[in-house]
Structure formats: C-alpha cells, structure tokens
Amino acid sequence: ARALALRSGDAVLQVRRVLSFGGVPTILEDFWLPGTAFKGLSAEQMAGYQGPTYAMFEVEFGVRMVRADEKIRAIAADAQQAQLLQVASGTPLLSVERLAYTYNDVPMELRRGVYRTDTHHYRNALS
C-alpha cells in the first residue's frame, strides 16, 4: 500500500502469472495495481491480451507508464518458485522489483519478478 501511495482500505488488484517461452516456464511475476485505476481488470483479460502489458494498461484503462525504478539482485529459488519455474530448489534466479509510475510521479504498479537465467537473460533498454 505504501509503495502505491494507497490508504488503508483502498482496493488493490494482485496478479500472479508464469510466463513461458518455447514451452519453458521462464518468469514468475507478482504484481499489484491500484484497484480504482484498473477497475474491471480480469484474469481472462490479462491472459488473453497478446501484446505488452503496459500497452493493455494504456489502451484499456488509460494508464500510461512513463518511468520505472528497478532493484535487481540474485537469489536462490525457494520451493514454490522452483516448482512454478520447473527448476531445482536453490537454482540461481534473477529477482527484479519494479515500481512503475504514470504522469506526475503517481505510482501505478509494484511488480516482483523472478527470472530463470539458464536459458534467457534480462534485458532492459534505457532511453
């Protein structure tokens, strides 16, 4: 709530998903969104959208992410992460915590992702 500048009792949407590439579970993401800004967002909508998540946020909800702060570190997979990503417990993963903002520095998304690095790498283009 603090990261998203929400008050006690404000609605929050939480999403958990596993993204696979070539049939291999690669990214486990948890993210939280202010309920008011994303009212009506459903799991079916998230799963069915074929483009980038931020494009959907902009087109469907009028929320444009204009910047983000990220913290990146190496972690060892815990039992649940290992199961969902189909790796052994203790496997090295990359943890990325992102706080994304819309205009006027209003926080709109807190995202925590863990990434397999045995088959993929994390890429972040800065502009």
Protein backbone atom coordinates (compact mmCIF):
# COMPACT_ATOMS: atom_id res chain seq x y z
CA ALA A 1 0.00 0.00 0.00
CA ARG A 2 2.80 2.40 0.87
CA ALA A 3 4.65 1.81 -2.42
CA LEU A 4 1.48 2.56 -4.40
CA ALA A 5 0.58 5.54 -2.18
CA LEU A 6 -2.68 3.86 -1.14
CA ARG A 7 -4.59 4.38 2.07
CA SER A 8 -5.86 1.66 4.34
CA GLY A 9 -8.98 0.16 2.80
CA ASP A 10 -8.17 1.18 -0.81
CA ALA A 11 -8.74 -1.59 -3.35
CA VAL A 12 -5.69 -3.38 -4.75
CA LEU A 13 -5.50 -5.94 -7.55
CA GLN A 14 -2.91 -8.68 -7.23
CA VAL A 15 -1.82 -10.77 -10.20
CA ARG A 16 0.43 -13.81 -10.25
CA ARG A 17 1.48 -15.36 -13.50
CA VAL A 18 4.12 -17.57 -15.04
CA LEU A 19 5.40 -16.58 -18.47
CA SER A 20 6.78 -19.33 -20.67
CA PHE A 21 8.97 -19.11 -23.75
CA GLY A 22 9.27 -22.08 -26.08
CA GLY A 23 7.22 -24.10 -23.59
CA VAL A 24 9.71 -23.41 -20.77
CA PRO A 25 8.43 -21.54 -17.67
CA THR A 26 10.83 -18.61 -17.50
CA ILE A 27 9.37 -15.75 -15.45
CA LEU A 28 7.28 -15.81 -12.28
CA GLU A 29 5.65 -12.43 -11.69
CA ASP A 30 3.58 -10.99 -8.89
CA PHE A 31 2.25 -7.50 -9.30
CA TRP A 32 -0.06 -5.16 -7.51
CA LEU A 33 -2.16 -2.40 -9.08
CA PRO A 34 -4.40 0.29 -7.57
CA GLY A 35 -7.94 -1.06 -7.81
CA THR A 36 -9.53 2.26 -8.72
CA ALA A 37 -7.33 2.84 -11.77
CA PHE A 38 -7.73 -0.75 -13.01
CA LYS A 39 -11.36 -1.41 -12.11
CA GLY A 40 -12.70 -4.32 -14.15
CA LEU A 41 -9.34 -5.90 -14.98
CA SER A 42 -9.80 -9.67 -15.07
CA ALA A 43 -7.55 -12.71 -15.17
CA GLU A 44 -9.08 -13.63 -18.54
CA GLN A 45 -8.22 -10.19 -19.92
CA MET A 46 -4.63 -10.49 -18.69
CA ALA A 47 -4.24 -13.99 -20.13
CA GLY A 48 -5.90 -13.16 -23.45
CA TYR A 49 -4.01 -9.98 -24.27
CA GLN A 50 -1.33 -10.74 -26.86
CA GLY A 51 0.71 -7.54 -26.60
CA PRO A 52 2.80 -5.91 -23.87
CA THR A 53 1.08 -5.48 -20.51
CA TYR A 54 1.75 -1.74 -20.44
CA ALA A 55 0.09 -1.34 -23.86
CA MET A 56 -3.04 -3.02 -22.46
CA PHE A 57 -2.97 -0.73 -19.42
CA GLU A 58 -2.86 2.28 -21.72
CA VAL A 59 -5.47 1.12 -24.26
CA GLU A 60 -7.96 -0.46 -21.85
CA PHE A 61 -7.55 1.75 -18.76
CA GLY A 62 -5.97 4.98 -19.96
CA VAL A 63 -2.95 4.45 -17.69
CA ARG A 64 0.39 5.15 -19.31
CA MET A 65 3.56 4.10 -17.53
CA VAL A 66 6.17 6.79 -18.12
CA ARG A 67 9.04 5.63 -15.90
CA ALA A 68 10.07 2.88 -13.52
CA ASP A 69 12.61 2.25 -10.80
CA GLU A 70 14.04 -1.26 -10.54
CA LYS A 71 16.06 -3.14 -7.96
CA ILE A 72 17.84 -6.24 -9.27
CA ARG A 73 19.60 -8.96 -7.30
CA ALA A 74 20.50 -12.63 -7.47
CA ILE A 75 18.51 -15.08 -5.34
CA ALA A 76 18.20 -18.82 -4.86
CA ALA A 77 14.86 -20.37 -5.84
CA ASP A 78 12.67 -21.23 -2.88
CA ALA A 79 10.45 -24.33 -3.03
CA GLN A 80 7.42 -22.56 -4.53
CA GLN A 81 9.44 -20.61 -7.12
CA ALA A 82 11.28 -23.80 -8.07
CA GLN A 83 8.03 -25.70 -8.55
CA LEU A 84 6.41 -22.98 -10.69
CA LEU A 85 9.53 -22.43 -12.82
CA GLN A 86 10.33 -26.17 -13.00
CA VAL A 87 13.84 -25.87 -11.59
CA ALA A 88 15.52 -27.36 -8.53
CA SER A 89 15.27 -25.54 -5.21
CA GLY A 90 18.31 -23.35 -4.78
CA THR A 91 18.69 -22.70 -8.51
CA PRO A 92 20.07 -19.19 -9.12
CA LEU A 93 17.37 -16.75 -10.26
CA LEU A 94 17.35 -13.06 -11.02
CA SER A 95 14.94 -11.06 -8.84
CA VAL A 96 13.63 -7.77 -10.23
CA GLU A 97 11.43 -5.46 -8.17
CA ARG A 98 9.91 -2.61 -10.17
CA LEU A 99 7.83 0.39 -9.17
CA ALA A 100 6.28 1.95 -12.28
CA TYR A 101 4.84 5.44 -12.43
CA THR A 102 2.40 7.33 -14.60
CA TYR A 103 2.44 11.09 -15.10
CA ASN A 104 3.17 13.37 -12.12
CA ASP A 105 5.13 10.55 -10.46
CA VAL A 106 1.98 8.68 -9.42
CA PRO A 107 2.92 5.05 -8.65
CA MET A 108 0.72 2.63 -10.63
CA GLU A 109 2.37 -0.78 -10.40
CA LEU A 110 4.54 -2.73 -7.99
CA ARG A 111 5.96 -5.78 -9.74
CA ARG A 112 8.20 -8.51 -8.36
CA GLY A 113 9.54 -10.96 -10.88
CA VAL A 114 11.93 -13.87 -10.69
CA TYR A 115 13.66 -14.94 -13.86
CA ARG A 116 15.40 -18.11 -14.94
CA THR A 117 18.81 -17.27 -16.29
CA ASP A 118 19.86 -20.67 -17.62
CA THR A 119 18.07 -20.18 -20.95
CA HIS A 120 17.37 -16.42 -21.06
CA HIS A 121 18.79 -13.13 -19.86
CA TYR A 122 17.17 -9.99 -18.51
CA ARG A 123 17.24 -7.08 -20.95
CA ASN A 124 16.41 -3.51 -20.09
CA ALA A 125 16.66 -0.81 -22.74
CA LEU A 126 17.13 2.65 -21.26
CA SER A 127 16.13 5.78 -23.10
